[in-house]
Amino acid sequence: MEQNAAAELSALRLLGRLSVQQRLARVDHRLRLARLLVDGILDERSRVERQLREAEQAERDAGTQELGTAIRRYLAQGGRSWTTS
């Protein structure tokens, strides 16, 4: 009888440990998924920041080109009037 009780207690402890290990494994799995999600978000943020920098540079380049065109027109007219169109 005493051996049965000890065996049952041992089995319950083992089941308790397995349960804790299973919960820990699920938490680890969710943590890995969360890290993947965060990595994806950070990658997307980097892409958007790079696109923004490229758009700002293109805007500056376009403004420089427009100014260059206006200056060439001005000089082509002998510097008499300043027009942009």
C-alpha atoms as a PDB file:
ATOM      1  CA  MET A   1       0.000   0.000   0.000  1.00  0.00           C
ATOM      2  CA  GLU A   2       2.757   2.392   0.968  1.00  0.00           C
ATOM      3  CA  GLN A   3       4.622   1.604  -2.256  1.00  0.00           C
ATOM      4  CA  ASN A   4       1.494   2.322  -4.292  1.00  0.00           C
ATOM      5  CA  ALA A   5       1.069   5.671  -2.601  1.00  0.00           C
ATOM      6  CA  ALA A   6       4.719   6.531  -3.222  1.00  0.00           C
ATOM      7  CA  ALA A   7       4.408   5.472  -6.865  1.00  0.00           C
ATOM      8  CA  GLU A   8       1.250   7.555  -7.281  1.00  0.00           C
ATOM      9  CA  LEU A   9       2.943  10.561  -5.704  1.00  0.00           C
ATOM     10  CA  SER A  10       5.943  10.083  -7.955  1.00  0.00           C
ATOM     11  CA  ALA A  11       3.663   9.846 -11.007  1.00  0.00           C
ATOM     12  CA  LEU A  12       1.823  13.022  -9.978  1.00  0.00           C
ATOM     13  CA  ARG A  13       5.110  14.865  -9.548  1.00  0.00           C
ATOM     14  CA  LEU A  14       6.235  13.653 -12.961  1.00  0.00           C
ATOM     15  CA  LEU A  15       2.960  14.793 -14.528  1.00  0.00           C
ATOM     16  CA  GLY A  16       3.331  18.146 -12.793  1.00  0.00           C
ATOM     17  CA  ARG A  17       6.838  18.554 -14.178  1.00  0.00           C
ATOM     18  CA  LEU A  18       5.698  17.570 -17.658  1.00  0.00           C
ATOM     19  CA  SER A  19       2.857  20.043 -17.427  1.00  0.00           C
ATOM     20  CA  VAL A  20       5.274  22.812 -16.426  1.00  0.00           C
ATOM     21  CA  GLN A  21       7.671  21.787 -19.195  1.00  0.00           C
ATOM     22  CA  GLN A  22       4.842  21.833 -21.728  1.00  0.00           C
ATOM     23  CA  ARG A  23       3.734  25.268 -20.578  1.00  0.00           C
ATOM     24  CA  LEU A  24       7.318  26.479 -20.765  1.00  0.00           C
ATOM     25  CA  ALA A  25       7.633  25.063 -24.296  1.00  0.00           C
ATOM     26  CA  ARG A  26       4.446  26.906 -25.324  1.00  0.00           C
ATOM     27  CA  VAL A  27       5.754  30.137 -23.828  1.00  0.00           C
ATOM     28  CA  ASP A  28       9.064  29.669 -25.642  1.00  0.00           C
ATOM     29  CA  HIS A  29       7.194  29.068 -28.892  1.00  0.00           C
ATOM     30  CA  ARG A  30       5.107  32.230 -28.422  1.00  0.00           C
ATOM     31  CA  LEU A  31       8.269  34.149 -27.596  1.00  0.00           C
ATOM     32  CA  ARG A  32       9.905  32.962 -30.836  1.00  0.00           C
ATOM     33  CA  LEU A  33       6.816  34.031 -32.778  1.00  0.00           C
ATOM     34  CA  ALA A  34       6.823  37.418 -31.053  1.00  0.00           C
ATOM     35  CA  ARG A  35      10.489  37.907 -31.919  1.00  0.00           C
ATOM     36  CA  LEU A  36       9.775  37.055 -35.561  1.00  0.00           C
ATOM     37  CA  LEU A  37       6.931  39.568 -35.544  1.00  0.00           C
ATOM     38  CA  VAL A  38       9.119  42.278 -34.008  1.00  0.00           C
ATOM     39  CA  ASP A  39      11.903  41.534 -36.508  1.00  0.00           C
ATOM     40  CA  GLY A  40       9.382  41.853 -39.340  1.00  0.00           C
ATOM     41  CA  ILE A  41       8.107  45.153 -37.978  1.00  0.00           C
ATOM     42  CA  LEU A  42      11.648  46.500 -37.644  1.00  0.00           C
ATOM     43  CA  ASP A  43      12.491  45.372 -41.188  1.00  0.00           C
ATOM     44  CA  GLU A  44       9.374  47.116 -42.503  1.00  0.00           C
ATOM     45  CA  ARG A  45      10.286  50.265 -40.580  1.00  0.00           C
ATOM     46  CA  SER A  46      13.773  50.222 -42.110  1.00  0.00           C
ATOM     47  CA  ARG A  47      12.289  49.810 -45.598  1.00  0.00           C
ATOM     48  CA  VAL A  48       9.869  52.696 -45.067  1.00  0.00           C
ATOM     49  CA  GLU A  49      12.620  54.937 -43.665  1.00  0.00           C
ATOM     50  CA  ARG A  50      14.822  54.124 -46.678  1.00  0.00           C
ATOM     51  CA  GLN A  51      11.942  54.883 -49.070  1.00  0.00           C
ATOM     52  CA  LEU A  52      11.335  58.168 -47.284  1.00  0.00           C
ATOM     53  CA  ARG A  53      15.002  59.150 -47.582  1.00  0.00           C
ATOM     54  CA  GLU A  54      14.956  58.221 -51.284  1.00  0.00           C
ATOM     55  CA  ALA A  55      11.768  60.245 -51.855  1.00  0.00           C
ATOM     56  CA  GLU A  56      13.222  63.255 -50.042  1.00  0.00           C
ATOM     57  CA  GLN A  57      16.412  62.999 -52.119  1.00  0.00           C
ATOM     58  CA  ALA A  58      14.379  62.727 -55.342  1.00  0.00           C
ATOM     59  CA  GLU A  59      12.423  65.792 -54.273  1.00  0.00           C
ATOM     60  CA  ARG A  60      15.638  67.725 -53.630  1.00  0.00           C
ATOM     61  CA  ASP A  61      17.058  66.549 -56.960  1.00  0.00           C
ATOM     62  CA  ALA A  62      13.891  67.624 -58.786  1.00  0.00           C
ATOM     63  CA  GLY A  63      14.035  71.042 -57.105  1.00  0.00           C
ATOM     64  CA  THR A  64      17.684  71.419 -58.094  1.00  0.00           C
ATOM     65  CA  GLN A  65      16.862  70.423 -61.663  1.00  0.00           C
ATOM     66  CA  GLU A  66      13.988  72.945 -61.827  1.00  0.00           C
ATOM     67  CA  LEU A  67      16.253  75.670 -60.485  1.00  0.00           C
ATOM     68  CA  GLY A  68      18.924  74.757 -63.038  1.00  0.00           C
ATOM     69  CA  THR A  69      16.346  74.939 -65.840  1.00  0.00           C
ATOM     70  CA  ALA A  70      15.135  78.343 -64.610  1.00  0.00           C
ATOM     71  CA  ILE A  71      18.707  79.658 -64.420  1.00  0.00           C
ATOM     72  CA  ARG A  72      19.455  78.420 -67.945  1.00  0.00           C
ATOM     73  CA  ARG A  73      16.300  80.176 -69.225  1.00  0.00           C
ATOM     74  CA  TYR A  74      17.314  83.339 -67.427  1.00  0.00           C
ATOM     75  CA  LEU A  75      20.791  83.244 -68.907  1.00  0.00           C
ATOM     76  CA  ALA A  76      19.442  82.332 -72.362  1.00  0.00           C
ATOM     77  CA  GLN A  77      17.313  85.489 -72.236  1.00  0.00           C
ATOM     78  CA  GLY A  78      20.409  87.512 -71.487  1.00  0.00           C
ATOM     79  CA  GLY A  79      19.595  87.820 -67.800  1.00  0.00           C
ATOM     80  CA  ARG A  80      16.852  90.323 -68.496  1.00  0.00           C
ATOM     81  CA  SER A  81      13.878  88.717 -66.726  1.00  0.00           C
ATOM     82  CA  TRP A  82      13.328  85.967 -64.250  1.00  0.00           C
ATOM     83  CA  THR A  83      10.537  83.553 -65.171  1.00  0.00           C
ATOM     84  CA  THR A  84       9.632  80.074 -64.179  1.00  0.00           C
ATOM     85  CA  SER A  85       7.032  77.944 -65.860  1.00  0.00           C
END
